[in-house]
């Protein structure tokens, strides 16, 4: 994705590395139950091979990063508040870890889930 030059060599950051940072950030946010597959084919593939970046799509245009997140929110929480919290958390952590600006974090709410209280 991005290559940085320094006196010791080059640094290359993959889309998968960025997706992993975003994935961890989303799961730590209050009100998020999990991430959902982008489409049915991705969901079937994940049933076979567990992908730690499920529900995260990263695009890099040469100057900034755009991240699409497909999340499932806990029933009873304010969807807008959770989505804003996820967006800010992901943007902060990715920019802080990589030093590359995040242009957009698009949140796609794929569903609501009731937590088990038993």
PDB file of N, CA and C in Angstrom:
ATOM      1  N   UNK A   1       0.815  -1.180   0.000  1.00  0.00           N
ATOM      2  CA  UNK A   1       0.000   0.000   0.000  1.00  0.00           C
ATOM      3  C   UNK A   1       0.861   1.247   0.000  1.00  0.00           C
ATOM      4  N   UNK A   2       1.480   1.525   1.084  1.00  0.00           N
ATOM      5  CA  UNK A   2       2.250   2.757   1.210  1.00  0.00           C
ATOM      6  C   UNK A   2       3.712   2.399   1.394  1.00  0.00           C
ATOM      7  N   UNK A   3       4.564   3.133   0.731  1.00  0.00           N
ATOM      8  CA  UNK A   3       5.981   2.888   0.936  1.00  0.00           C
ATOM      9  C   UNK A   3       6.636   4.172   1.423  1.00  0.00           C
ATOM     10  N   UNK A   4       7.382   4.037   2.480  1.00  0.00           N
ATOM     11  CA  UNK A   4       8.114   5.154   3.069  1.00  0.00           C
ATOM     12  C   UNK A   4       9.599   4.864   2.926  1.00  0.00           C
ATOM     13  N   UNK A   5      10.342   5.872   2.577  1.00  0.00           N
ATOM     14  CA  UNK A   5      11.788   5.723   2.465  1.00  0.00           C
ATOM     15  C   UNK A   5      12.452   6.293   3.708  1.00  0.00           C
ATOM     16  N   UNK A   6      13.435   5.571   4.195  1.00  0.00           N
ATOM     17  CA  UNK A   6      14.250   6.063   5.287  1.00  0.00           C
ATOM     18  C   UNK A   6      15.680   5.609   5.022  1.00  0.00           C
ATOM     19  N   UNK A   7      16.652   6.037   5.808  1.00  0.00           N
ATOM     20  CA  UNK A   7      18.052   5.696   5.525  1.00  0.00           C
ATOM     21  C   UNK A   7      18.350   4.198   5.552  1.00  0.00           C
ATOM     22  N   UNK A   8      17.490   3.409   6.208  1.00  0.00           N
ATOM     23  CA  UNK A   8      17.752   1.983   6.354  1.00  0.00           C
ATOM     24  C   UNK A   8      17.052   1.129   5.311  1.00  0.00           C
ATOM     25  N   UNK A   9      16.132   1.702   4.556  1.00  0.00           N
ATOM     26  CA  UNK A   9      15.406   0.934   3.544  1.00  0.00           C
ATOM     27  C   UNK A   9      13.986   1.461   3.378  1.00  0.00           C
ATOM     28  N   UNK A  10      13.131   0.624   2.833  1.00  0.00           N
ATOM     29  CA  UNK A  10      11.740   0.999   2.562  1.00  0.00           C
ATOM     30  C   UNK A  10      10.803   0.296   3.528  1.00  0.00           C
ATOM     31  N   UNK A  11       9.657   0.933   3.770  1.00  0.00           N
ATOM     32  CA  UNK A  11       8.616   0.362   4.615  1.00  0.00           C
ATOM     33  C   UNK A  11       7.357   0.226   3.764  1.00  0.00           C
ATOM     34  N   UNK A  12       6.811  -0.965   3.719  1.00  0.00           N
ATOM     35  CA  UNK A  12       5.585  -1.230   2.979  1.00  0.00           C
ATOM     36  C   UNK A  12       4.500  -1.655   3.963  1.00  0.00           C
ATOM     37  N   UNK A  13       3.334  -1.014   3.875  1.00  0.00           N
ATOM     38  CA  UNK A  13       2.210  -1.325   4.758  1.00  0.00           C
ATOM     39  C   UNK A  13       1.101  -1.923   3.912  1.00  0.00           C
ATOM     40  N   UNK A  14       0.664  -3.123   4.253  1.00  0.00           N
ATOM     41  CA  UNK A  14      -0.361  -3.796   3.460  1.00  0.00           C
ATOM     42  C   UNK A  14      -1.765  -3.372   3.892  1.00  0.00           C
ATOM     43  N   UNK A  15      -2.728  -3.601   2.991  1.00  0.00           N
ATOM     44  CA  UNK A  15      -4.130  -3.334   3.311  1.00  0.00           C
ATOM     45  C   UNK A  15      -4.586  -4.207   4.480  1.00  0.00           C
ATOM     46  N   UNK A  16      -4.075  -5.412   4.540  1.00  0.00           N
ATOM     47  CA  UNK A  16      -4.458  -6.350   5.598  1.00  0.00           C
ATOM     48  C   UNK A  16      -4.000  -5.852   6.975  1.00  0.00           C
ATOM     49  N   UNK A  17      -2.849  -5.223   7.036  1.00  0.00           N
ATOM     50  CA  UNK A  17      -2.361  -4.676   8.305  1.00  0.00           C
ATOM     51  C   UNK A  17      -3.271  -3.544   8.786  1.00  0.00           C
ATOM     52  N   UNK A  18      -3.677  -2.698   7.880  1.00  0.00           N
ATOM     53  CA  UNK A  18      -4.585  -1.599   8.228  1.00  0.00           C
ATOM     54  C   UNK A  18      -5.935  -2.157   8.662  1.00  0.00           C
ATOM     55  N   UNK A  19      -6.413  -3.162   7.940  1.00  0.00           N
ATOM     56  CA  UNK A  19      -7.695  -3.786   8.279  1.00  0.00           C
ATOM     57  C   UNK A  19      -7.641  -4.433   9.658  1.00  0.00           C
ATOM     58  N   UNK A  20      -6.514  -5.007  10.022  1.00  0.00           N
ATOM     59  CA  UNK A  20      -6.376  -5.628  11.344  1.00  0.00           C
ATOM     60  C   UNK A  20      -6.451  -4.583  12.458  1.00  0.00           C
ATOM     61  N   UNK A  21      -5.829  -3.436  12.251  1.00  0.00           N
ATOM     62  CA  UNK A  21      -5.896  -2.350  13.239  1.00  0.00           C
ATOM     63  C   UNK A  21      -7.340  -1.873  13.388  1.00  0.00           C
ATOM     64  N   UNK A  22      -8.025  -1.682  12.268  1.00  0.00           N
ATOM     65  CA  UNK A  22      -9.417  -1.226  12.303  1.00  0.00           C
ATOM     66  C   UNK A  22     -10.315  -2.267  12.966  1.00  0.00           C
ATOM     67  N   UNK A  23     -10.095  -3.540  12.671  1.00  0.00           N
ATOM     68  CA  UNK A  23     -10.900  -4.630  13.232  1.00  0.00           C
ATOM     69  C   UNK A  23     -10.805  -4.643  14.758  1.00  0.00           C
ATOM     70  N   UNK A  24      -9.593  -4.558  15.285  1.00  0.00           N
ATOM     71  CA  UNK A  24      -9.398  -4.548  16.740  1.00  0.00           C
ATOM     72  C   UNK A  24     -10.062  -3.326  17.373  1.00  0.00           C
ATOM     73  N   UNK A  25      -9.955  -2.186  16.711  1.00  0.00           N
ATOM     74  CA  UNK A  25     -10.544  -0.965  17.227  1.00  0.00           C
ATOM     75  C   UNK A  25     -12.061  -1.066  17.288  1.00  0.00           C
ATOM     76  N   UNK A  26     -12.676  -1.641  16.265  1.00  0.00           N
ATOM     77  CA  UNK A  26     -14.133  -1.777  16.225  1.00  0.00           C
ATOM     78  C   UNK A  26     -14.617  -2.679  17.351  1.00  0.00           C
ATOM     79  N   UNK A  27     -13.951  -3.798  17.557  1.00  0.00           N
ATOM     80  CA  UNK A  27     -14.391  -4.744  18.582  1.00  0.00           C
ATOM     81  C   UNK A  27     -14.260  -4.196  19.995  1.00  0.00           C
ATOM     82  N   UNK A  28     -13.403  -3.205  20.201  1.00  0.00           N
ATOM     83  CA  UNK A  28     -13.232  -2.603  21.518  1.00  0.00           C
ATOM     84  C   UNK A  28     -14.222  -1.466  21.787  1.00  0.00           C
ATOM     85  N   UNK A  29     -15.010  -1.102  20.797  1.00  0.00           N
ATOM     86  CA  UNK A  29     -15.948   0.009  20.939  1.00  0.00           C
ATOM     87  C   UNK A  29     -17.245  -0.458  21.588  1.00  0.00           C
ATOM     88  N   UNK A  30     -17.749   0.316  22.521  1.00  0.00           N
ATOM     89  CA  UNK A  30     -18.988  -0.015  23.217  1.00  0.00           C
ATOM     90  C   UNK A  30     -20.156  -0.027  22.238  1.00  0.00           C
ATOM     91  N   UNK A  31     -20.999  -1.046  22.349  1.00  0.00           N
ATOM     92  CA  UNK A  31     -22.207  -1.139  21.542  1.00  0.00           C
ATOM     93  C   UNK A  31     -22.062  -1.983  20.294  1.00  0.00           C
ATOM     94  N   UNK A  32     -20.844  -2.383  19.964  1.00  0.00           N
ATOM     95  CA  UNK A  32     -20.623  -3.213  18.783  1.00  0.00           C
ATOM     96  C   UNK A  32     -20.584  -4.672  19.220  1.00  0.00           C
ATOM     97  N   UNK A  33     -21.415  -5.489  18.570  1.00  0.00           N
ATOM     98  CA  UNK A  33     -21.455  -6.915  18.869  1.00  0.00           C
ATOM     99  C   UNK A  33     -20.412  -7.648  18.031  1.00  0.00           C
ATOM    100  N   UNK A  34     -20.239  -7.230  16.787  1.00  0.00           N
ATOM    101  CA  UNK A  34     -19.270  -7.875  15.907  1.00  0.00           C
ATOM    102  C   UNK A  34     -19.283  -7.242  14.536  1.00  0.00           C
ATOM    103  N   UNK A  35     -18.553  -7.851  13.636  1.00  0.00           N
ATOM    104  CA  UNK A  35     -18.517  -7.391  12.259  1.00  0.00           C
ATOM    105  C   UNK A  35     -19.205  -8.419  11.378  1.00  0.00           C
ATOM    106  N   UNK A  36     -19.747  -7.966  10.275  1.00  0.00           N
ATOM    107  CA  UNK A  36     -20.489  -8.828   9.365  1.00  0.00           C
ATOM    108  C   UNK A  36     -19.773  -8.889   8.024  1.00  0.00           C
ATOM    109  N   UNK A  37     -19.968  -9.957   7.280  1.00  0.00           N
ATOM    110  CA  UNK A  37     -19.361 -10.026   5.949  1.00  0.00           C
ATOM    111  C   UNK A  37     -19.981  -8.998   5.009  1.00  0.00           C
ATOM    112  N   UNK A  38     -19.188  -8.558   4.062  1.00  0.00           N
ATOM    113  CA  UNK A  38     -19.631  -7.555   3.092  1.00  0.00           C
ATOM    114  C   UNK A  38     -20.718  -8.124   2.183  1.00  0.00           C
ATOM    115  N   UNK A  39     -20.604  -9.402   1.844  1.00  0.00           N
ATOM    116  CA  UNK A  39     -21.595 -10.051   0.993  1.00  0.00           C
ATOM    117  C   UNK A  39     -21.660 -11.540   1.323  1.00  0.00           C
ATOM    118  N   UNK A  40     -22.551 -12.268   0.662  1.00  0.00           N
ATOM    119  CA  UNK A  40     -22.762 -13.681   0.969  1.00  0.00           C
ATOM    120  C   UNK A  40     -21.526 -14.525   0.674  1.00  0.00           C
ATOM    121  N   UNK A  41     -20.829 -14.235  -0.414  1.00  0.00           N
ATOM    122  CA  UNK A  41     -19.638 -15.017  -0.768  1.00  0.00           C
ATOM    123  C   UNK A  41     -18.561 -14.887   0.311  1.00  0.00           C
ATOM    124  N   UNK A  42     -18.366 -13.676   0.824  1.00  0.00           N
ATOM    125  CA  UNK A  42     -17.386 -13.467   1.898  1.00  0.00           C
ATOM    126  C   UNK A  42     -17.808 -14.204   3.161  1.00  0.00           C
ATOM    127  N   UNK A  43     -19.119 -14.249   3.426  1.00  0.00           N
ATOM    128  CA  UNK A  43     -19.625 -14.943   4.594  1.00  0.00           C
ATOM    129  C   UNK A  43     -19.383 -16.437   4.512  1.00  0.00           C
ATOM    130  N   UNK A  44     -19.587 -17.019   3.330  1.00  0.00           N
ATOM    131  CA  UNK A  44     -19.330 -18.445   3.149  1.00  0.00           C
ATOM    132  C   UNK A  44     -17.847 -18.757   3.251  1.00  0.00           C
ATOM    133  N   UNK A  45     -17.022 -17.902   2.688  1.00  0.00           N
ATOM    134  CA  UNK A  45     -15.572 -18.102   2.763  1.00  0.00           C
ATOM    135  C   UNK A  45     -15.093 -18.016   4.204  1.00  0.00           C
ATOM    136  N   UNK A  46     -15.680 -17.126   4.994  1.00  0.00           N
ATOM    137  CA  UNK A  46     -15.274 -16.984   6.392  1.00  0.00           C
ATOM    138  C   UNK A  46     -15.705 -18.185   7.229  1.00  0.00           C
ATOM    139  N   UNK A  47     -16.773 -18.860   6.819  1.00  0.00           N
ATOM    140  CA  UNK A  47     -17.197 -20.060   7.540  1.00  0.00           C
ATOM    141  C   UNK A  47     -16.148 -21.159   7.408  1.00  0.00           C
ATOM    142  N   UNK A  48     -15.441 -21.171   6.292  1.00  0.00           N
ATOM    143  CA  UNK A  48     -14.412 -22.180   6.045  1.00  0.00           C
ATOM    144  C   UNK A  48     -13.082 -21.767   6.666  1.00  0.00           C
ATOM    145  N   UNK A  49     -12.653 -20.559   6.374  1.00  0.00           N
ATOM    146  CA  UNK A  49     -11.381 -20.031   6.877  1.00  0.00           C
ATOM    147  C   UNK A  49     -11.676 -18.755   7.655  1.00  0.00           C
ATOM    148  N   UNK A  50     -11.343 -18.734   8.929  1.00  0.00           N
ATOM    149  CA  UNK A  50     -11.597 -17.555   9.764  1.00  0.00           C
ATOM    150  C   UNK A  50     -10.664 -16.419   9.376  1.00  0.00           C
ATOM    151  N   UNK A  51     -11.256 -15.306   8.996  1.00  0.00           N
ATOM    152  CA  UNK A  51     -10.494 -14.144   8.560  1.00  0.00           C
ATOM    153  C   UNK A  51     -10.583 -13.057   9.630  1.00  0.00           C
ATOM    154  N   UNK A  52      -9.458 -12.618  10.190  1.00  0.00           N
ATOM    155  CA  UNK A  52      -9.506 -11.597  11.240  1.00  0.00           C
ATOM    156  C   UNK A  52      -9.883 -10.208  10.727  1.00  0.00           C
ATOM    157  N   UNK A  53     -10.001 -10.047   9.429  1.00  0.00           N
ATOM    158  CA  UNK A  53     -10.351  -8.740   8.880  1.00  0.00           C
ATOM    159  C   UNK A  53     -11.738  -8.766   8.238  1.00  0.00           C
ATOM    160  N   UNK A  54     -12.582  -9.672   8.686  1.00  0.00           N
ATOM    161  CA  UNK A  54     -13.942  -9.775   8.166  1.00  0.00           C
ATOM    162  C   UNK A  54     -14.699  -8.479   8.419  1.00  0.00           C
ATOM    163  N   UNK A  55     -15.385  -7.981   7.420  1.00  0.00           N
ATOM    164  CA  UNK A  55     -16.198  -6.786   7.585  1.00  0.00           C
ATOM    165  C   UNK A  55     -15.435  -5.486   7.473  1.00  0.00           C
ATOM    166  N   UNK A  56     -14.185  -5.550   7.025  1.00  0.00           N
ATOM    167  CA  UNK A  56     -13.372  -4.344   6.870  1.00  0.00           C
ATOM    168  C   UNK A  56     -12.858  -4.286   5.434  1.00  0.00           C
ATOM    169  N   UNK A  57     -13.062  -3.149   4.786  1.00  0.00           N
ATOM    170  CA  UNK A  57     -12.563  -2.945   3.431  1.00  0.00           C
ATOM    171  C   UNK A  57     -11.719  -1.667   3.426  1.00  0.00           C
ATOM    172  N   UNK A  58     -10.477  -1.780   2.984  1.00  0.00           N
ATOM    173  CA  UNK A  58      -9.540  -0.654   3.006  1.00  0.00           C
ATOM    174  C   UNK A  58      -9.201  -0.241   1.576  1.00  0.00           C
ATOM    175  N   UNK A  59      -9.249   1.063   1.304  1.00  0.00           N
ATOM    176  CA  UNK A  59      -8.869   1.617   0.013  1.00  0.00           C
ATOM    177  C   UNK A  59      -7.834   2.709   0.240  1.00  0.00           C
ATOM    178  N   UNK A  60      -6.770   2.665  -0.548  1.00  0.00           N
ATOM    179  CA  UNK A  60      -5.710   3.674  -0.440  1.00  0.00           C
ATOM    180  C   UNK A  60      -5.533   4.331  -1.804  1.00  0.00           C
ATOM    181  N   UNK A  61      -5.643   5.662  -1.868  1.00  0.00           N
ATOM    182  CA  UNK A  61      -5.566   6.369  -3.147  1.00  0.00           C
ATOM    183  C   UNK A  61      -4.220   7.039  -3.392  1.00  0.00           C
ATOM    184  N   UNK A  62      -3.236   6.748  -2.584  1.00  0.00           N
ATOM    185  CA  UNK A  62      -1.918   7.340  -2.744  1.00  0.00           C
ATOM    186  C   UNK A  62      -1.630   8.436  -1.742  1.00  0.00           C
ATOM    187  N   UNK A  63      -2.671   9.048  -1.184  1.00  0.00           N
ATOM    188  CA  UNK A  63      -2.483  10.115  -0.202  1.00  0.00           C
ATOM    189  C   UNK A  63      -3.224   9.855   1.097  1.00  0.00           C
ATOM    190  N   UNK A  64      -4.379   9.213   1.014  1.00  0.00           N
ATOM    191  CA  UNK A  64      -5.174   8.981   2.215  1.00  0.00           C
ATOM    192  C   UNK A  64      -5.880   7.628   2.134  1.00  0.00           C
ATOM    193  N   UNK A  65      -6.424   7.231   3.270  1.00  0.00           N
ATOM    194  CA  UNK A  65      -7.062   5.925   3.406  1.00  0.00           C
ATOM    195  C   UNK A  65      -8.566   6.117   3.571  1.00  0.00           C
ATOM    196  N   UNK A  66      -9.337   5.237   2.936  1.00  0.00           N
ATOM    197  CA  UNK A  66     -10.777   5.156   3.147  1.00  0.00           C
ATOM    198  C   UNK A  66     -11.085   3.762   3.672  1.00  0.00           C
ATOM    199  N   UNK A  67     -11.844   3.691   4.768  1.00  0.00           N
ATOM    200  CA  UNK A  67     -12.162   2.407   5.392  1.00  0.00           C
ATOM    201  C   UNK A  67     -13.675   2.232   5.425  1.00  0.00           C
ATOM    202  N   UNK A  68     -14.151   1.086   4.930  1.00  0.00           N
ATOM    203  CA  UNK A  68     -15.556   0.707   5.020  1.00  0.00           C
ATOM    204  C   UNK A  68     -15.686  -0.385   6.063  1.00  0.00           C
ATOM    205  N   UNK A  69     -16.607  -0.196   7.020  1.00  0.00           N
ATOM    206  CA  UNK A  69     -16.825  -1.158   8.092  1.00  0.00           C
ATOM    207  C   UNK A  69     -18.267  -1.652   8.044  1.00  0.00           C
ATOM    208  N   UNK A  70     -18.448  -2.957   8.143  1.00  0.00           N
ATOM    209  CA  UNK A  70     -19.765  -3.587   8.137  1.00  0.00           C
ATOM    210  C   UNK A  70     -19.972  -4.186   9.526  1.00  0.00           C
ATOM    211  N   UNK A  71     -20.792  -3.501  10.362  1.00  0.00           N
ATOM    212  CA  UNK A  71     -20.867  -3.863  11.773  1.00  0.00           C
ATOM    213  C   UNK A  71     -22.270  -4.316  12.181  1.00  0.00           C
ATOM    214  N   UNK A  72     -22.310  -5.035  13.303  1.00  0.00           N
ATOM    215  CA  UNK A  72     -23.556  -5.424  13.953  1.00  0.00           C
ATOM    216  C   UNK A  72     -23.556  -4.747  15.320  1.00  0.00           C
ATOM    217  N   UNK A  73     -24.646  -4.034  15.612  1.00  0.00           N
ATOM    218  CA  UNK A  73     -24.746  -3.233  16.824  1.00  0.00           C
ATOM    219  C   UNK A  73     -25.680  -3.912  17.817  1.00  0.00           C
ATOM    220  N   UNK A  74     -25.376  -3.729  19.097  1.00  0.00           N
ATOM    221  CA  UNK A  74     -26.212  -4.292  20.156  1.00  0.00           C
ATOM    222  C   UNK A  74     -27.563  -3.588  20.192  1.00  0.00           C
ATOM    223  N   UNK A  75     -28.621  -4.384  20.271  1.00  0.00           N
ATOM    224  CA  UNK A  75     -29.978  -3.851  20.328  1.00  0.00           C
ATOM    225  C   UNK A  75     -30.148  -3.042  21.611  1.00  0.00           C
ATOM    226  N   UNK A  76     -30.752  -1.864  21.485  1.00  0.00           N
ATOM    227  CA  UNK A  76     -31.003  -1.014  22.654  1.00  0.00           C
ATOM    228  C   UNK A  76     -30.025   0.138  22.775  1.00  0.00           C
ATOM    229  N   UNK A  77     -28.964   0.124  21.986  1.00  0.00           N
ATOM    230  CA  UNK A  77     -28.022   1.246  22.011  1.00  0.00           C
ATOM    231  C   UNK A  77     -28.399   2.219  20.897  1.00  0.00           C
ATOM    232  N   UNK A  78     -27.947   3.441  21.009  1.00  0.00           N
ATOM    233  CA  UNK A  78     -28.230   4.448  19.978  1.00  0.00           C
ATOM    234  C   UNK A  78     -27.296   4.194  18.796  1.00  0.00           C
ATOM    235  N   UNK A  79     -27.886   3.876  17.660  1.00  0.00           N
ATOM    236  CA  UNK A  79     -27.122   3.491  16.479  1.00  0.00           C
ATOM    237  C   UNK A  79     -26.198   4.618  16.035  1.00  0.00           C
ATOM    238  N   UNK A  80     -26.699   5.828  16.008  1.00  0.00           N
ATOM    239  CA  UNK A  80     -25.889   6.968  15.570  1.00  0.00           C
ATOM    240  C   UNK A  80     -24.695   7.192  16.494  1.00  0.00           C
ATOM    241  N   UNK A  81     -24.899   7.075  17.791  1.00  0.00           N
ATOM    242  CA  UNK A  81     -23.812   7.277  18.751  1.00  0.00           C
ATOM    243  C   UNK A  81     -22.744   6.201  18.610  1.00  0.00           C
ATOM    244  N   UNK A  82     -23.179   4.951  18.460  1.00  0.00           N
ATOM    245  CA  UNK A  82     -22.224   3.856  18.306  1.00  0.00           C
ATOM    246  C   UNK A  82     -21.442   4.021  17.004  1.00  0.00           C
ATOM    247  N   UNK A  83     -22.140   4.365  15.915  1.00  0.00           N
ATOM    248  CA  UNK A  83     -21.476   4.545  14.624  1.00  0.00           C
ATOM    249  C   UNK A  83     -20.453   5.686  14.682  1.00  0.00           C
ATOM    250  N   UNK A  84     -20.808   6.792  15.318  1.00  0.00           N
ATOM    251  CA  UNK A  84     -19.855   7.908  15.467  1.00  0.00           C
ATOM    252  C   UNK A  84     -18.655   7.508  16.308  1.00  0.00           C
ATOM    253  N   UNK A  85     -18.900   6.771  17.373  1.00  0.00           N
ATOM    254  CA  UNK A  85     -17.821   6.318  18.242  1.00  0.00           C
ATOM    255  C   UNK A  85     -16.872   5.379  17.493  1.00  0.00           C
ATOM    256  N   UNK A  86     -17.423   4.457  16.716  1.00  0.00           N
ATOM    257  CA  UNK A  86     -16.605   3.538  15.917  1.00  0.00           C
ATOM    258  C   UNK A  86     -15.766   4.310  14.915  1.00  0.00           C
ATOM    259  N   UNK A  87     -16.395   5.246  14.230  1.00  0.00           N
ATOM    260  CA  UNK A  87     -15.700   6.033  13.209  1.00  0.00           C
ATOM    261  C   UNK A  87     -14.527   6.810  13.798  1.00  0.00           C
ATOM    262  N   UNK A  88     -14.757   7.494  14.903  1.00  0.00           N
ATOM    263  CA  UNK A  88     -13.701   8.289  15.535  1.00  0.00           C
ATOM    264  C   UNK A  88     -12.585   7.404  16.083  1.00  0.00           C
ATOM    265  N   UNK A  89     -12.948   6.284  16.682  1.00  0.00           N
ATOM    266  CA  UNK A  89     -11.958   5.375  17.252  1.00  0.00           C
ATOM    267  C   UNK A  89     -11.056   4.787  16.173  1.00  0.00           C
ATOM    268  N   UNK A  90     -11.663   4.326  15.090  1.00  0.00           N
ATOM    269  CA  UNK A  90     -10.882   3.731  13.993  1.00  0.00           C
ATOM    270  C   UNK A  90      -9.986   4.783  13.356  1.00  0.00           C
ATOM    271  N   UNK A  91     -10.532   5.951  13.097  1.00  0.00           N
ATOM    272  CA  UNK A  91      -9.737   7.013  12.472  1.00  0.00           C
ATOM    273  C   UNK A  91      -8.535   7.380  13.342  1.00  0.00           C
ATOM    274  N   UNK A  92      -8.760   7.553  14.629  1.00  0.00           N
ATOM    275  CA  UNK A  92      -7.673   7.930  15.535  1.00  0.00           C
ATOM    276  C   UNK A  92      -6.588   6.855  15.587  1.00  0.00           C
ATOM    277  N   UNK A  93      -6.991   5.602  15.782  1.00  0.00           N
ATOM    278  CA  UNK A  93      -5.999   4.533  15.940  1.00  0.00           C
ATOM    279  C   UNK A  93      -5.204   4.273  14.663  1.00  0.00           C
ATOM    280  N   UNK A  94      -5.866   4.301  13.512  1.00  0.00           N
ATOM    281  CA  UNK A  94      -5.152   4.064  12.251  1.00  0.00           C
ATOM    282  C   UNK A  94      -4.187   5.209  11.968  1.00  0.00           C
ATOM    283  N   UNK A  95      -4.634   6.443  12.127  1.00  0.00           N
ATOM    284  CA  UNK A  95      -3.742   7.590  11.891  1.00  0.00           C
ATOM    285  C   UNK A  95      -2.581   7.589  12.883  1.00  0.00           C
ATOM    286  N   UNK A  96      -2.850   7.252  14.124  1.00  0.00           N
ATOM    287  CA  UNK A  96      -1.811   7.236  15.147  1.00  0.00           C
ATOM    288  C   UNK A  96      -0.787   6.132  14.883  1.00  0.00           C
ATOM    289  N   UNK A  97      -1.247   4.976  14.451  1.00  0.00           N
ATOM    290  CA  UNK A  97      -0.348   3.844  14.223  1.00  0.00           C
ATOM    291  C   UNK A  97       0.478   3.992  12.952  1.00  0.00           C
ATOM    292  N   UNK A  98      -0.112   4.574  11.912  1.00  0.00           N
ATOM    293  CA  UNK A  98       0.550   4.603  10.607  1.00  0.00           C
ATOM    294  C   UNK A  98       1.106   5.961  10.201  1.00  0.00           C
ATOM    295  N   UNK A  99       0.539   7.020  10.711  1.00  0.00           N
ATOM    296  CA  UNK A  99       0.974   8.348  10.294  1.00  0.00           C
ATOM    297  C   UNK A  99       0.455   8.736   8.926  1.00  0.00           C
ATOM    298  N   UNK A 100      -0.544   8.019   8.429  1.00  0.00           N
ATOM    299  CA  UNK A 100      -1.168   8.314   7.135  1.00  0.00           C
ATOM    300  C   UNK A 100      -2.580   8.815   7.424  1.00  0.00           C
ATOM    301  N   UNK A 101      -3.013   9.925   6.807  1.00  0.00           N
ATOM    302  CA  UNK A 101      -4.344  10.446   7.107  1.00  0.00           C
ATOM    303  C   UNK A 101      -5.459   9.519   6.621  1.00  0.00           C
ATOM    304  N   UNK A 102      -6.511   9.425   7.421  1.00  0.00           N
ATOM    305  CA  UNK A 102      -7.709   8.671   7.054  1.00  0.00           C
ATOM    306  C   UNK A 102      -8.732   9.676   6.562  1.00  0.00           C
ATOM    307  N   UNK A 103      -9.089   9.576   5.289  1.00  0.00           N
ATOM    308  CA  UNK A 103     -10.035  10.516   4.696  1.00  0.00           C
ATOM    309  C   UNK A 103     -11.457  10.260   5.176  1.00  0.00           C
ATOM    310  N   UNK A 104     -11.893   8.988   5.118  1.00  0.00           N
ATOM    311  CA  UNK A 104     -13.261   8.638   5.500  1.00  0.00           C
ATOM    312  C   UNK A 104     -13.291   7.291   6.189  1.00  0.00           C
ATOM    313  N   UNK A 105     -14.221   7.159   7.117  1.00  0.00           N
ATOM    314  CA  UNK A 105     -14.560   5.863   7.696  1.00  0.00           C
ATOM    315  C   UNK A 105     -16.063   5.707   7.486  1.00  0.00           C
ATOM    316  N   UNK A 106     -16.444   4.847   6.554  1.00  0.00           N
ATOM    317  CA  UNK A 106     -17.847   4.613   6.238  1.00  0.00           C
ATOM    318  C   UNK A 106     -18.358   3.444   7.069  1.00  0.00           C
ATOM    319  N   UNK A 107     -19.448   3.673   7.795  1.00  0.00           N
ATOM    320  CA  UNK A 107     -20.034   2.653   8.654  1.00  0.00           C
ATOM    321  C   UNK A 107     -21.296   2.119   7.981  1.00  0.00           C
ATOM    322  N   UNK A 108     -21.357   0.798   7.795  1.00  0.00           N
ATOM    323  CA  UNK A 108     -22.533   0.124   7.252  1.00  0.00           C
ATOM    324  C   UNK A 108     -23.080  -0.768   8.366  1.00  0.00           C
ATOM    325  N   UNK A 109     -24.256  -0.423   8.898  1.00  0.00           N
ATOM    326  CA  UNK A 109     -24.855  -1.229   9.966  1.00  0.00           C
ATOM    327  C   UNK A 109     -25.609  -2.370   9.299  1.00  0.00           C
ATOM    328  N   UNK A 110     -25.129  -3.594   9.522  1.00  0.00           N
ATOM    329  CA  UNK A 110     -25.715  -4.783   8.893  1.00  0.00           C
ATOM    330  C   UNK A 110     -26.794  -5.429   9.730  1.00  0.00           C
ATOM    331  N   UNK A 111     -26.901  -5.053  11.000  1.00  0.00           N
ATOM    332  CA  UNK A 111     -27.949  -5.643  11.811  1.00  0.00           C
ATOM    333  C   UNK A 111     -27.834  -5.255  13.278  1.00  0.00           C
ATOM    334  N   UNK A 112     -28.852  -5.670  14.024  1.00  0.00           N
ATOM    335  CA  UNK A 112     -28.895  -5.464  15.466  1.00  0.00           C
ATOM    336  C   UNK A 112     -29.000  -6.829  16.114  1.00  0.00           C
ATOM    337  N   UNK A 113     -28.380  -6.983  17.258  1.00  0.00           N
ATOM    338  CA  UNK A 113     -28.395  -8.267  17.951  1.00  0.00           C
ATOM    339  C   UNK A 113     -28.654  -8.032  19.436  1.00  0.00           C
ATOM    340  N   UNK A 114     -29.521  -8.859  20.007  1.00  0.00           N
ATOM    341  CA  UNK A 114     -29.828  -8.793  21.428  1.00  0.00           C
ATOM    342  C   UNK A 114     -28.785  -9.610  22.175  1.00  0.00           C
ATOM    343  N   UNK A 115     -28.179  -9.018  23.197  1.00  0.00           N
ATOM    344  CA  UNK A 115     -27.198  -9.733  24.006  1.00  0.00           C
ATOM    345  C   UNK A 115     -27.900 -10.696  24.946  1.00  0.00           C
ATOM    346  N   UNK A 116     -27.245 -11.803  25.236  1.00  0.00           N
ATOM    347  CA  UNK A 116     -27.775 -12.774  26.193  1.00  0.00           C
ATOM    348  C   UNK A 116     -27.424 -12.318  27.597  1.00  0.00           C
ATOM    349  N   UNK A 117     -28.414 -12.241  28.454  1.00  0.00           N
ATOM    350  CA  UNK A 117     -28.193 -11.816  29.828  1.00  0.00           C
ATOM    351  C   UNK A 117     -28.188 -12.997  30.788  1.00  0.00           C
ATOM    352  N   UNK A 118     -28.254 -14.215  30.287  1.00  0.00           N
ATOM    353  CA  UNK A 118     -28.279 -15.405  31.135  1.00  0.00           C
ATOM    354  C   UNK A 118     -26.920 -15.812  31.590  1.00  0.00           C
TER     355      UNK A 118
END
